[in-house]
C-alpha atoms as a PDB file:
ATOM      1  CA  UNK A   1    -166.064 -80.111 183.769  1.00  0.00           C
ATOM      2  CA  UNK A   2    -169.230 -82.030 183.354  1.00  0.00           C
ATOM      3  CA  UNK A   3    -171.757 -81.647 180.152  1.00  0.00           C
ATOM      4  CA  UNK A   4    -174.626 -78.592 181.306  1.00  0.00           C
ATOM      5  CA  UNK A   5    -177.742 -80.126 182.418  1.00  0.00           C
ATOM      6  CA  UNK A   6    -180.119 -79.564 179.164  1.00  0.00           C
ATOM      7  CA  UNK A   7    -176.969 -79.163 177.230  1.00  0.00           C
ATOM      8  CA  UNK A   8    -176.456 -83.076 176.343  1.00  0.00           C
ATOM      9  CA  UNK A   9    -173.388 -83.766 173.859  1.00  0.00           C
ATOM     10  CA  UNK A  10    -173.796 -85.538 170.878  1.00  0.00           C
ATOM     11  CA  UNK A  11    -173.158 -89.359 170.871  1.00  0.00           C
ATOM     12  CA  UNK A  12    -169.606 -90.786 170.532  1.00  0.00           C
ATOM     13  CA  UNK A  13    -168.314 -90.189 167.162  1.00  0.00           C
ATOM     14  CA  UNK A  14    -164.562 -91.926 167.445  1.00  0.00           C
ATOM     15  CA  UNK A  15    -163.691 -88.653 169.462  1.00  0.00           C
ATOM     16  CA  UNK A  16    -166.041 -86.317 167.723  1.00  0.00           C
ATOM     17  CA  UNK A  17    -168.724 -85.288 169.936  1.00  0.00           C
ATOM     18  CA  UNK A  18    -171.250 -82.702 169.704  1.00  0.00           C
ATOM     19  CA  UNK A  19    -169.741 -79.131 169.848  1.00  0.00           C
ATOM     20  CA  UNK A  20    -171.071 -75.989 167.518  1.00  0.00           C
ATOM     21  CA  UNK A  21    -170.709 -72.152 169.441  1.00  0.00           C
ATOM     22  CA  UNK A  22    -173.310 -69.512 168.390  1.00  0.00           C
ATOM     23  CA  UNK A  23    -171.720 -68.250 165.117  1.00  0.00           C
ATOM     24  CA  UNK A  24    -170.550 -64.740 164.501  1.00  0.00           C
ATOM     25  CA  UNK A  25    -172.361 -61.993 162.923  1.00  0.00           C
ATOM     26  CA  UNK A  26    -169.744 -60.614 161.151  1.00  0.00           C
ATOM     27  CA  UNK A  27    -169.052 -61.768 157.061  1.00  0.00           C
ATOM     28  CA  UNK A  28    -165.366 -63.091 156.677  1.00  0.00           C
ATOM     29  CA  UNK A  29    -166.092 -65.193 153.899  1.00  0.00           C
ATOM     30  CA  UNK A  30    -168.098 -64.898 150.947  1.00  0.00           C
ATOM     31  CA  UNK A  31    -169.633 -67.898 150.045  1.00  0.00           C
ATOM     32  CA  UNK A  32    -173.261 -69.034 150.674  1.00  0.00           C
ATOM     33  CA  UNK A  33    -173.659 -72.864 150.973  1.00  0.00           C
ATOM     34  CA  UNK A  34    -177.177 -74.647 151.039  1.00  0.00           C
ATOM     35  CA  UNK A  35    -177.142 -78.665 151.204  1.00  0.00           C
ATOM     36  CA  UNK A  36    -179.681 -80.104 149.407  1.00  0.00           C
ATOM     37  CA  UNK A  37    -180.370 -83.639 149.826  1.00  0.00           C
ATOM     38  CA  UNK A  38    -181.435 -86.125 147.335  1.00  0.00           C
ATOM     39  CA  UNK A  39    -184.351 -88.219 148.192  1.00  0.00           C
ATOM     40  CA  UNK A  40    -182.833 -90.916 150.310  1.00  0.00           C
ATOM     41  CA  UNK A  41    -185.364 -93.756 149.394  1.00  0.00           C
ATOM     42  CA  UNK A  42    -185.007 -97.422 147.016  1.00  0.00           C
ATOM     43  CA  UNK A  43    -182.237 -96.450 144.417  1.00  0.00           C
ATOM     44  CA  UNK A  44    -182.241 -92.914 145.088  1.00  0.00           C
ATOM     45  CA  UNK A  45    -178.564 -93.528 147.230  1.00  0.00           C
ATOM     46  CA  UNK A  46    -176.012 -95.250 145.939  1.00  0.00           C
ATOM     47  CA  UNK A  47    -174.238 -98.036 147.298  1.00  0.00           C
ATOM     48  CA  UNK A  48    -170.592 -98.136 147.757  1.00  0.00           C
ATOM     49  CA  UNK A  49    -168.932-101.272 147.458  1.00  0.00           C
ATOM     50  CA  UNK A  50    -167.897-103.116 150.506  1.00  0.00           C
ATOM     51  CA  UNK A  51    -163.913-102.783 151.454  1.00  0.00           C
ATOM     52  CA  UNK A  52    -163.095-103.953 155.088  1.00  0.00           C
ATOM     53  CA  UNK A  53    -166.154-106.247 156.772  1.00  0.00           C
ATOM     54  CA  UNK A  54    -164.361-106.649 160.229  1.00  0.00           C
ATOM     55  CA  UNK A  55    -162.558-103.586 161.449  1.00  0.00           C
ATOM     56  CA  UNK A  56    -162.954-102.084 165.324  1.00  0.00           C
ATOM     57  CA  UNK A  57    -164.269 -99.154 165.189  1.00  0.00           C
ATOM     58  CA  UNK A  58    -162.176 -97.351 161.867  1.00  0.00           C
ATOM     59  CA  UNK A  59    -162.085 -93.798 162.723  1.00  0.00           C
ATOM     60  CA  UNK A  60    -158.747 -92.764 161.523  1.00  0.00           C
ATOM     61  CA  UNK A  61    -158.401 -93.659 157.580  1.00  0.00           C
ATOM     62  CA  UNK A  62    -155.065 -92.544 155.719  1.00  0.00           C
ATOM     63  CA  UNK A  63    -154.354 -92.823 151.921  1.00  0.00           C
ATOM     64  CA  UNK A  64    -151.474 -94.463 150.393  1.00  0.00           C
ATOM     65  CA  UNK A  65    -150.457 -94.664 146.996  1.00  0.00           C
ATOM     66  CA  UNK A  66    -151.775 -96.911 144.422  1.00  0.00           C
ATOM     67  CA  UNK A  67    -155.466 -96.625 145.709  1.00  0.00           C
ATOM     68  CA  UNK A  68    -154.486 -98.649 148.984  1.00  0.00           C
ATOM     69  CA  UNK A  69    -155.449 -97.472 152.449  1.00  0.00           C
ATOM     70  CA  UNK A  70    -154.095 -97.131 156.466  1.00  0.00           C
ATOM     71  CA  UNK A  71    -156.955 -97.289 158.998  1.00  0.00           C
ATOM     72  CA  UNK A  72    -156.710 -97.225 162.517  1.00  0.00           C
ATOM     73  CA  UNK A  73    -158.794 -98.877 165.034  1.00  0.00           C
ATOM     74  CA  UNK A  74    -159.861 -96.990 167.956  1.00  0.00           C
ATOM     75  CA  UNK A  75    -160.808 -99.616 169.899  1.00  0.00           C
ATOM     76  CA  UNK A  76    -157.675-101.997 169.489  1.00  0.00           C
ATOM     77  CA  UNK A  77    -154.901 -99.351 168.723  1.00  0.00           C
ATOM     78  CA  UNK A  78    -153.912-101.173 165.331  1.00  0.00           C
ATOM     79  CA  UNK A  79    -152.790 -99.457 162.258  1.00  0.00           C
ATOM     80  CA  UNK A  80    -153.333-101.749 159.571  1.00  0.00           C
ATOM     81  CA  UNK A  81    -152.842-101.631 155.779  1.00  0.00           C
ATOM     82  CA  UNK A  82    -154.508-102.654 152.779  1.00  0.00           C
ATOM     83  CA  UNK A  83    -154.174-102.518 149.396  1.00  0.00           C
ATOM     84  CA  UNK A  84    -156.992-100.920 146.737  1.00  0.00           C
ATOM     85  CA  UNK A  85    -158.841-103.877 146.925  1.00  0.00           C
ATOM     86  CA  UNK A  86    -159.517-104.251 150.621  1.00  0.00           C
ATOM     87  CA  UNK A  87    -156.893-107.281 151.106  1.00  0.00           C
ATOM     88  CA  UNK A  88    -154.330-106.778 154.361  1.00  0.00           C
ATOM     89  CA  UNK A  89    -150.684-106.822 154.568  1.00  0.00           C
ATOM     90  CA  UNK A  90    -149.236-109.577 156.612  1.00  0.00           C
ATOM     91  CA  UNK A  91    -148.725-107.618 159.606  1.00  0.00           C
ATOM     92  CA  UNK A  92    -150.211-104.381 161.058  1.00  0.00           C
ATOM     93  CA  UNK A  93    -148.335-101.422 160.476  1.00  0.00           C
ATOM     94  CA  UNK A  94    -148.398-100.639 164.075  1.00  0.00           C
ATOM     95  CA  UNK A  95    -149.896-101.412 167.474  1.00  0.00           C
ATOM     96  CA  UNK A  96    -150.360 -98.620 169.921  1.00  0.00           C
ATOM     97  CA  UNK A  97    -151.543 -98.934 173.301  1.00  0.00           C
ATOM     98  CA  UNK A  98    -154.546 -96.945 173.869  1.00  0.00           C
ATOM     99  CA  UNK A  99    -156.873 -96.354 176.425  1.00  0.00           C
ATOM    100  CA  UNK A 100    -160.398 -96.735 175.015  1.00  0.00           C
ATOM    101  CA  UNK A 101    -162.840 -96.137 177.877  1.00  0.00           C
ATOM    102  CA  UNK A 102    -165.601 -92.540 176.661  1.00  0.00           C
ATOM    103  CA  UNK A 103    -164.615 -91.454 173.001  1.00  0.00           C
ATOM    104  CA  UNK A 104    -160.798 -91.784 173.803  1.00  0.00           C
ATOM    105  CA  UNK A 105    -158.496 -94.106 171.347  1.00  0.00           C
ATOM    106  CA  UNK A 106    -156.528 -94.424 168.246  1.00  0.00           C
ATOM    107  CA  UNK A 107    -157.766 -91.071 166.493  1.00  0.00           C
ATOM    108  CA  UNK A 108    -155.977 -89.942 163.878  1.00  0.00           C
ATOM    109  CA  UNK A 109    -153.779 -91.133 161.296  1.00  0.00           C
ATOM    110  CA  UNK A 110    -151.965 -89.495 158.171  1.00  0.00           C
ATOM    111  CA  UNK A 111    -149.337 -90.731 155.988  1.00  0.00           C
ATOM    112  CA  UNK A 112    -146.828 -87.848 154.642  1.00  0.00           C
ATOM    113  CA  UNK A 113    -144.383 -87.391 151.638  1.00  0.00           C
ATOM    114  CA  UNK A 114    -141.678 -89.253 152.956  1.00  0.00           C
ATOM    115  CA  UNK A 115    -144.117 -92.363 153.825  1.00  0.00           C
ATOM    116  CA  UNK A 116    -144.028 -91.699 157.164  1.00  0.00           C
ATOM    117  CA  UNK A 117    -146.961 -92.860 159.145  1.00  0.00           C
ATOM    118  CA  UNK A 118    -148.190 -90.484 161.996  1.00  0.00           C
ATOM    119  CA  UNK A 119    -150.882 -91.188 164.609  1.00  0.00           C
ATOM    120  CA  UNK A 120    -152.649 -89.361 167.436  1.00  0.00           C
ATOM    121  CA  UNK A 121    -154.246 -91.217 170.342  1.00  0.00           C
ATOM    122  CA  UNK A 122    -155.116 -91.062 174.235  1.00  0.00           C
ATOM    123  CA  UNK A 123    -152.683 -92.957 175.650  1.00  0.00           C
ATOM    124  CA  UNK A 124    -153.502 -95.902 178.147  1.00  0.00           C
ATOM    125  CA  UNK A 125    -151.110 -94.624 181.402  1.00  0.00           C
ATOM    126  CA  UNK A 126    -153.364 -93.352 184.400  1.00  0.00           C
ATOM    127  CA  UNK A 127    -154.139 -91.033 185.352  1.00  0.00           C
ATOM    128  CA  UNK A 128    -153.751 -88.203 182.630  1.00  0.00           C
ATOM    129  CA  UNK A 129    -154.569 -90.795 179.325  1.00  0.00           C
ATOM    130  CA  UNK A 130    -152.676 -87.757 177.250  1.00  0.00           C
ATOM    131  CA  UNK A 131    -153.815 -87.262 173.917  1.00  0.00           C
ATOM    132  CA  UNK A 132    -150.066 -87.198 171.990  1.00  0.00           C
ATOM    133  CA  UNK A 133    -149.112 -87.691 168.281  1.00  0.00           C
ATOM    134  CA  UNK A 134    -146.260 -89.478 167.245  1.00  0.00           C
ATOM    135  CA  UNK A 135    -144.704 -91.186 164.234  1.00  0.00           C
ATOM    136  CA  UNK A 136    -145.340 -94.804 164.379  1.00  0.00           C
ATOM    137  CA  UNK A 137    -143.772 -96.347 161.237  1.00  0.00           C
ATOM    138  CA  UNK A 138    -141.257 -96.907 160.158  1.00  0.00           C
ATOM    139  CA  UNK A 139    -139.472 -97.998 163.103  1.00  0.00           C
ATOM    140  CA  UNK A 140    -140.075 -97.535 166.575  1.00  0.00           C
ATOM    141  CA  UNK A 141    -142.461 -94.906 168.150  1.00  0.00           C
ATOM    142  CA  UNK A 142    -141.538 -91.796 168.491  1.00  0.00           C
ATOM    143  CA  UNK A 143    -143.336 -88.562 170.092  1.00  0.00           C
ATOM    144  CA  UNK A 144    -143.881 -85.769 168.076  1.00  0.00           C
ATOM    145  CA  UNK A 145    -146.194 -83.553 170.713  1.00  0.00           C
ATOM    146  CA  UNK A 146    -147.450 -84.649 174.565  1.00  0.00           C
ATOM    147  CA  UNK A 147    -150.408 -82.996 175.001  1.00  0.00           C
ATOM    148  CA  UNK A 148    -153.384 -82.257 177.451  1.00  0.00           C
ATOM    149  CA  UNK A 149    -154.550 -85.121 179.725  1.00  0.00           C
ATOM    150  CA  UNK A 150    -157.678 -86.454 177.891  1.00  0.00           C
ATOM    151  CA  UNK A 151    -161.534 -86.568 178.937  1.00  0.00           C
ATOM    152  CA  UNK A 152    -164.569 -88.945 178.131  1.00  0.00           C
ATOM    153  CA  UNK A 153    -165.613 -86.016 175.686  1.00  0.00           C
ATOM    154  CA  UNK A 154    -164.486 -83.739 173.433  1.00  0.00           C
ATOM    155  CA  UNK A 155    -160.688 -84.856 172.551  1.00  0.00           C
ATOM    156  CA  UNK A 156    -160.740 -84.256 168.986  1.00  0.00           C
ATOM    157  CA  UNK A 157    -157.667 -86.033 167.501  1.00  0.00           C
ATOM    158  CA  UNK A 158    -157.943 -85.797 164.125  1.00  0.00           C
ATOM    159  CA  UNK A 159    -154.717 -85.295 162.160  1.00  0.00           C
ATOM    160  CA  UNK A 160    -154.088 -84.148 158.255  1.00  0.00           C
ATOM    161  CA  UNK A 161    -151.131 -82.966 156.533  1.00  0.00           C
ATOM    162  CA  UNK A 162    -150.712 -79.427 155.080  1.00  0.00           C
ATOM    163  CA  UNK A 163    -149.453 -78.729 152.569  1.00  0.00           C
ATOM    164  CA  UNK A 164    -146.264 -77.089 153.865  1.00  0.00           C
ATOM    165  CA  UNK A 165    -145.540 -80.715 155.298  1.00  0.00           C
ATOM    166  CA  UNK A 166    -146.581 -79.816 159.099  1.00  0.00           C
ATOM    167  CA  UNK A 167    -149.298 -82.134 160.942  1.00  0.00           C
ATOM    168  CA  UNK A 168    -152.553 -80.731 162.010  1.00  0.00           C
ATOM    169  CA  UNK A 169    -154.523 -81.517 164.744  1.00  0.00           C
ATOM    170  CA  UNK A 170    -157.709 -80.630 166.363  1.00  0.00           C
ATOM    171  CA  UNK A 171    -158.274 -80.566 169.653  1.00  0.00           C
ATOM    172  CA  UNK A 172    -162.015 -80.719 171.674  1.00  0.00           C
ATOM    173  CA  UNK A 173    -162.619 -78.494 174.128  1.00  0.00           C
ATOM    174  CA  UNK A 174    -161.795 -81.254 176.553  1.00  0.00           C
ATOM    175  CA  UNK A 175    -165.410 -80.663 178.803  1.00  0.00           C
ATOM    176  CA  UNK A 176    -164.466 -77.114 179.440  1.00  0.00           C
ATOM    177  CA  UNK A 177    -165.551 -74.804 176.867  1.00  0.00           C
ATOM    178  CA  UNK A 178    -164.525 -71.788 178.873  1.00  0.00           C
ATOM    179  CA  UNK A 179    -160.651 -72.930 177.680  1.00  0.00           C
ATOM    180  CA  UNK A 180    -161.484 -72.701 174.293  1.00  0.00           C
ATOM    181  CA  UNK A 181    -160.868 -68.955 173.870  1.00  0.00           C
ATOM    182  CA  UNK A 182    -157.606 -68.929 176.331  1.00  0.00           C
ATOM    183  CA  UNK A 183    -154.453 -68.329 174.103  1.00  0.00           C
ATOM    184  CA  UNK A 184    -152.616 -70.296 177.064  1.00  0.00           C
ATOM    185  CA  UNK A 185    -154.669 -73.495 176.556  1.00  0.00           C
ATOM    186  CA  UNK A 186    -154.933 -75.799 173.842  1.00  0.00           C
ATOM    187  CA  UNK A 187    -158.567 -76.490 174.423  1.00  0.00           C
ATOM    188  CA  UNK A 188    -161.069 -76.102 171.356  1.00  0.00           C
ATOM    189  CA  UNK A 189    -158.086 -75.317 168.946  1.00  0.00           C
ATOM    190  CA  UNK A 190    -156.623 -76.212 165.301  1.00  0.00           C
ATOM    191  CA  UNK A 191    -153.147 -76.705 165.737  1.00  0.00           C
ATOM    192  CA  UNK A 192    -150.172 -76.941 163.969  1.00  0.00           C
ATOM    193  CA  UNK A 193    -147.295 -79.324 164.664  1.00  0.00           C
ATOM    194  CA  UNK A 194    -143.508 -79.676 163.253  1.00  0.00           C
ATOM    195  CA  UNK A 195    -143.443 -83.069 162.528  1.00  0.00           C
ATOM    196  CA  UNK A 196    -140.036 -83.678 163.485  1.00  0.00           C
ATOM    197  CA  UNK A 197    -140.274 -81.347 166.534  1.00  0.00           C
ATOM    198  CA  UNK A 198    -139.665 -82.714 170.199  1.00  0.00           C
ATOM    199  CA  UNK A 199    -142.300 -83.762 171.834  1.00  0.00           C
ATOM    200  CA  UNK A 200    -142.902 -80.461 174.188  1.00  0.00           C
ATOM    201  CA  UNK A 201    -142.425 -78.288 171.312  1.00  0.00           C
ATOM    202  CA  UNK A 202    -145.388 -75.248 171.252  1.00  0.00           C
ATOM    203  CA  UNK A 203    -148.096 -75.928 168.726  1.00  0.00           C
ATOM    204  CA  UNK A 204    -149.043 -72.933 166.460  1.00  0.00           C
ATOM    205  CA  UNK A 205    -152.895 -71.866 166.802  1.00  0.00           C
ATOM    206  CA  UNK A 206    -154.619 -71.596 163.522  1.00  0.00           C
ATOM    207  CA  UNK A 207    -157.787 -71.040 165.041  1.00  0.00           C
ATOM    208  CA  UNK A 208    -159.534 -70.756 168.365  1.00  0.00           C
ATOM    209  CA  UNK A 209    -162.904 -71.315 170.220  1.00  0.00           C
ATOM    210  CA  UNK A 210    -164.668 -74.849 168.706  1.00  0.00           C
ATOM    211  CA  UNK A 211    -166.131 -77.368 170.569  1.00  0.00           C
ATOM    212  CA  UNK A 212    -164.806 -80.549 169.202  1.00  0.00           C
ATOM    213  CA  UNK A 213    -163.244 -79.746 165.354  1.00  0.00           C
ATOM    214  CA  UNK A 214    -163.227 -83.360 164.901  1.00  0.00           C
ATOM    215  CA  UNK A 215    -164.385 -83.416 161.128  1.00  0.00           C
ATOM    216  CA  UNK A 216    -161.752 -81.121 159.222  1.00  0.00           C
ATOM    217  CA  UNK A 217    -159.758 -81.311 155.975  1.00  0.00           C
ATOM    218  CA  UNK A 218    -157.231 -79.992 153.597  1.00  0.00           C
ATOM    219  CA  UNK A 219    -158.314 -79.158 149.727  1.00  0.00           C
ATOM    220  CA  UNK A 220    -155.666 -79.379 146.976  1.00  0.00           C
ATOM    221  CA  UNK A 221    -154.942 -75.741 146.989  1.00  0.00           C
ATOM    222  CA  UNK A 222    -154.350 -75.634 150.508  1.00  0.00           C
ATOM    223  CA  UNK A 223    -157.536 -74.502 152.417  1.00  0.00           C
ATOM    224  CA  UNK A 224    -158.353 -76.033 155.701  1.00  0.00           C
ATOM    225  CA  UNK A 225    -162.168 -76.830 156.149  1.00  0.00           C
ATOM    226  CA  UNK A 226    -163.755 -77.347 159.247  1.00  0.00           C
ATOM    227  CA  UNK A 227    -167.421 -78.709 160.365  1.00  0.00           C
ATOM    228  CA  UNK A 228    -167.194 -78.466 164.403  1.00  0.00           C
ATOM    229  CA  UNK A 229    -169.539 -80.684 166.503  1.00  0.00           C
ATOM    230  CA  UNK A 230    -172.567 -78.812 168.616  1.00  0.00           C
ATOM    231  CA  UNK A 231    -173.701 -79.226 171.997  1.00  0.00           C
ATOM    232  CA  UNK A 232    -177.667 -79.015 172.854  1.00  0.00           C
ATOM    233  CA  UNK A 233    -179.304 -76.659 170.638  1.00  0.00           C
ATOM    234  CA  UNK A 234    -176.568 -74.962 169.352  1.00  0.00           C
ATOM    235  CA  UNK A 235    -176.100 -75.444 165.304  1.00  0.00           C
ATOM    236  CA  UNK A 236    -173.617 -77.363 163.958  1.00  0.00           C
ATOM    237  CA  UNK A 237    -171.464 -75.638 161.118  1.00  0.00           C
ATOM    238  CA  UNK A 238    -168.780 -74.988 158.201  1.00  0.00           C
ATOM    239  CA  UNK A 239    -166.102 -72.724 158.858  1.00  0.00           C
ATOM    240  CA  UNK A 240    -162.490 -72.317 157.565  1.00  0.00           C
ATOM    241  CA  UNK A 241    -160.148 -74.027 160.486  1.00  0.00           C
ATOM    242  CA  UNK A 242    -157.054 -71.776 159.352  1.00  0.00           C
ATOM    243  CA  UNK A 243    -157.955 -68.046 159.158  1.00  0.00           C
ATOM    244  CA  UNK A 244    -156.173 -67.008 162.664  1.00  0.00           C
ATOM    245  CA  UNK A 245    -157.762 -65.833 165.610  1.00  0.00           C
ATOM    246  CA  UNK A 246    -161.048 -67.070 167.432  1.00  0.00           C
ATOM    247  CA  UNK A 247    -163.688 -69.436 165.516  1.00  0.00           C
ATOM    248  CA  UNK A 248    -164.217 -67.930 161.906  1.00  0.00           C
ATOM    249  CA  UNK A 249    -167.756 -67.185 160.723  1.00  0.00           C
ATOM    250  CA  UNK A 250    -169.182 -69.879 160.291  1.00  0.00           C
ATOM    251  CA  UNK A 251    -170.579 -70.447 155.907  1.00  0.00           C
ATOM    252  CA  UNK A 252    -173.189 -72.806 157.067  1.00  0.00           C
ATOM    253  CA  UNK A 253    -175.194 -73.710 159.823  1.00  0.00           C
ATOM    254  CA  UNK A 254    -176.916 -77.141 159.742  1.00  0.00           C
ATOM    255  CA  UNK A 255    -180.832 -77.434 160.570  1.00  0.00           C
ATOM    256  CA  UNK A 256    -180.410 -80.881 161.674  1.00  0.00           C
ATOM    257  CA  UNK A 257    -177.955 -82.577 163.732  1.00  0.00           C
ATOM    258  CA  UNK A 258    -175.304 -85.023 161.555  1.00  0.00           C
ATOM    259  CA  UNK A 259    -172.677 -85.143 164.273  1.00  0.00           C
ATOM    260  CA  UNK A 260    -169.935 -84.435 162.410  1.00  0.00           C
ATOM    261  CA  UNK A 261    -167.073 -87.488 162.303  1.00  0.00           C
ATOM    262  CA  UNK A 262    -165.487 -86.969 159.226  1.00  0.00           C
ATOM    263  CA  UNK A 263    -164.699 -84.489 156.312  1.00  0.00           C
ATOM    264  CA  UNK A 264    -162.937 -85.050 152.818  1.00  0.00           C
ATOM    265  CA  UNK A 265    -162.036 -82.582 150.189  1.00  0.00           C
ATOM    266  CA  UNK A 266    -163.253 -84.357 146.675  1.00  0.00           C
ATOM    267  CA  UNK A 267    -161.427 -81.101 145.114  1.00  0.00           C
ATOM    268  CA  UNK A 268    -161.605 -77.481 145.866  1.00  0.00           C
ATOM    269  CA  UNK A 269    -164.705 -76.727 145.305  1.00  0.00           C
ATOM    270  CA  UNK A 270    -166.461 -79.812 147.207  1.00  0.00           C
ATOM    271  CA  UNK A 271    -166.360 -81.688 150.281  1.00  0.00           C
ATOM    272  CA  UNK A 272    -167.852 -85.134 151.794  1.00  0.00           C
ATOM    273  CA  UNK A 273    -168.813 -84.852 155.484  1.00  0.00           C
ATOM    274  CA  UNK A 274    -169.668 -87.855 157.228  1.00  0.00           C
ATOM    275  CA  UNK A 275    -172.085 -88.211 160.348  1.00  0.00           C
ATOM    276  CA  UNK A 276    -172.264 -90.385 163.268  1.00  0.00           C
ATOM    277  CA  UNK A 277    -176.106 -89.332 163.680  1.00  0.00           C
ATOM    278  CA  UNK A 278    -177.092 -88.848 160.045  1.00  0.00           C
ATOM    279  CA  UNK A 279    -175.047 -91.995 159.224  1.00  0.00           C
ATOM    280  CA  UNK A 280    -174.903 -91.187 155.726  1.00  0.00           C
ATOM    281  CA  UNK A 281    -172.327 -88.744 153.283  1.00  0.00           C
ATOM    282  CA  UNK A 282    -173.371 -85.604 152.337  1.00  0.00           C
ATOM    283  CA  UNK A 283    -171.591 -83.560 149.163  1.00  0.00           C
ATOM    284  CA  UNK A 284    -171.331 -79.893 149.796  1.00  0.00           C
ATOM    285  CA  UNK A 285    -170.334 -77.561 147.225  1.00  0.00           C
ATOM    286  CA  UNK A 286    -168.581 -74.700 147.549  1.00  0.00           C
ATOM    287  CA  UNK A 287    -169.132 -71.340 145.255  1.00  0.00           C
ATOM    288  CA  UNK A 288    -167.998 -68.192 145.991  1.00  0.00           C
ATOM    289  CA  UNK A 289    -168.344 -66.646 142.647  1.00  0.00           C
ATOM    290  CA  UNK A 290    -172.411 -67.762 142.198  1.00  0.00           C
ATOM    291  CA  UNK A 291    -172.769 -67.415 146.384  1.00  0.00           C
ATOM    292  CA  UNK A 292    -174.062 -71.186 146.119  1.00  0.00           C
ATOM    293  CA  UNK A 293    -173.441 -74.418 146.888  1.00  0.00           C
ATOM    294  CA  UNK A 294    -175.846 -77.788 145.980  1.00  0.00           C
ATOM    295  CA  UNK A 295    -175.471 -81.073 147.367  1.00  0.00           C
ATOM    296  CA  UNK A 296    -176.793 -84.524 147.318  1.00  0.00           C
ATOM    297  CA  UNK A 297    -176.721 -87.711 149.415  1.00  0.00           C
ATOM    298  CA  UNK A 298    -173.377 -89.624 148.296  1.00  0.00           C
ATOM    299  CA  UNK A 299    -173.997 -93.108 150.058  1.00  0.00           C
ATOM    300  CA  UNK A 300    -175.632 -94.584 153.398  1.00  0.00           C
ATOM    301  CA  UNK A 301    -173.641 -96.010 156.768  1.00  0.00           C
ATOM    302  CA  UNK A 302    -170.939 -93.423 156.549  1.00  0.00           C
ATOM    303  CA  UNK A 303    -170.734 -92.841 160.708  1.00  0.00           C
ATOM    304  CA  UNK A 304    -167.162 -92.505 161.440  1.00  0.00           C
ATOM    305  CA  UNK A 305    -164.613 -91.209 159.151  1.00  0.00           C
ATOM    306  CA  UNK A 306    -164.107 -90.670 155.119  1.00  0.00           C
ATOM    307  CA  UNK A 307    -161.046 -89.632 153.175  1.00  0.00           C
ATOM    308  CA  UNK A 308    -160.158 -89.655 149.387  1.00  0.00           C
ATOM    309  CA  UNK A 309    -157.934 -92.291 147.786  1.00  0.00           C
ATOM    310  CA  UNK A 310    -155.441 -91.744 145.284  1.00  0.00           C
ATOM    311  CA  UNK A 311    -157.184 -93.185 142.617  1.00  0.00           C
ATOM    312  CA  UNK A 312    -159.973 -90.531 143.370  1.00  0.00           C
ATOM    313  CA  UNK A 313    -162.554 -92.709 145.251  1.00  0.00           C
ATOM    314  CA  UNK A 314    -163.785 -92.097 148.937  1.00  0.00           C
ATOM    315  CA  UNK A 315    -163.671 -94.464 151.213  1.00  0.00           C
ATOM    316  CA  UNK A 316    -165.974 -93.747 154.126  1.00  0.00           C
ATOM    317  CA  UNK A 317    -166.473 -95.873 157.541  1.00  0.00           C
ATOM    318  CA  UNK A 318    -168.870 -97.214 160.160  1.00  0.00           C
ATOM    319  CA  UNK A 319    -167.803 -98.433 163.509  1.00  0.00           C
ATOM    320  CA  UNK A 320    -167.028-101.868 161.602  1.00  0.00           C
ATOM    321  CA  UNK A 321    -166.709-101.324 158.020  1.00  0.00           C
ATOM    322  CA  UNK A 322    -165.126 -99.571 155.323  1.00  0.00           C
ATOM    323  CA  UNK A 323    -166.490 -99.102 152.276  1.00  0.00           C
ATOM    324  CA  UNK A 324    -165.292 -96.914 148.644  1.00  0.00           C
ATOM    325  CA  UNK A 325    -167.590 -95.342 145.920  1.00  0.00           C
ATOM    326  CA  UNK A 326    -166.724 -93.170 143.022  1.00  0.00           C
ATOM    327  CA  UNK A 327    -166.999 -89.607 143.012  1.00  0.00           C
ATOM    328  CA  UNK A 328    -166.874 -87.151 140.247  1.00  0.00           C
END
């Protein structure tokens, strides 16, 4: 299905494309969020510290012990380990054969508590070029989930680790938004996978009705937050991703186009949001009791991914580089 004329999708975001559906007008979460951007001129926006200068679209970031990081290159299929100073390991952790046409490629990466590395990517095999999830290290690749055929846009593919050890993957509408509400389809869903399950496992649907939930994160207490992309004039929005059923009520709708490409939990009440179009890192504050949130621009140049490292820093990336910045 091609995008409807007059409702063009957002530019590529390492697997994330535009996708907000009109928000449901029923209040599920008593949270009101207001984002106040800092004045972005001169020294008002902090500068990050350059960590990696020559990555190939590092749209998948996964923290490891000691303040280090694994990053996945969307365009090469390589998974590379660096220490807290940015020094790379002698060899890639994994090398995957990926399709990179459109918004395909290596899209998601997590490391579980046992030190196993899992990735989500679009296979290079024609004609399906399926979106798959697999354990890629240590040892040979083991497919955990053989997902749907990918499309040029709206594949999703971001991965997070839930507190119960399950893998959470966001799947976009795959350019067929009508299937986002279909319980028999994985289109437009947040799904939970058993990391030890077979390739034909049936995922648990955490929520549905999304356009492209590429920017999502799990807070330290286990809450799943999502900033969905949008199509055309629809607003991008922040909502809970594990409330069950159709997409929950938005707790924030953005007035400007950001093209959300990454979301990281600083703690249980602060989120860092990266935007492919905005090309900045915004801080969001969730405060249910006061019913308000304040925010500021943390850094420029965030375009494709963000994560929180084990030493507390935020690592964020554009198409070629990775930076870090201190928060809190």
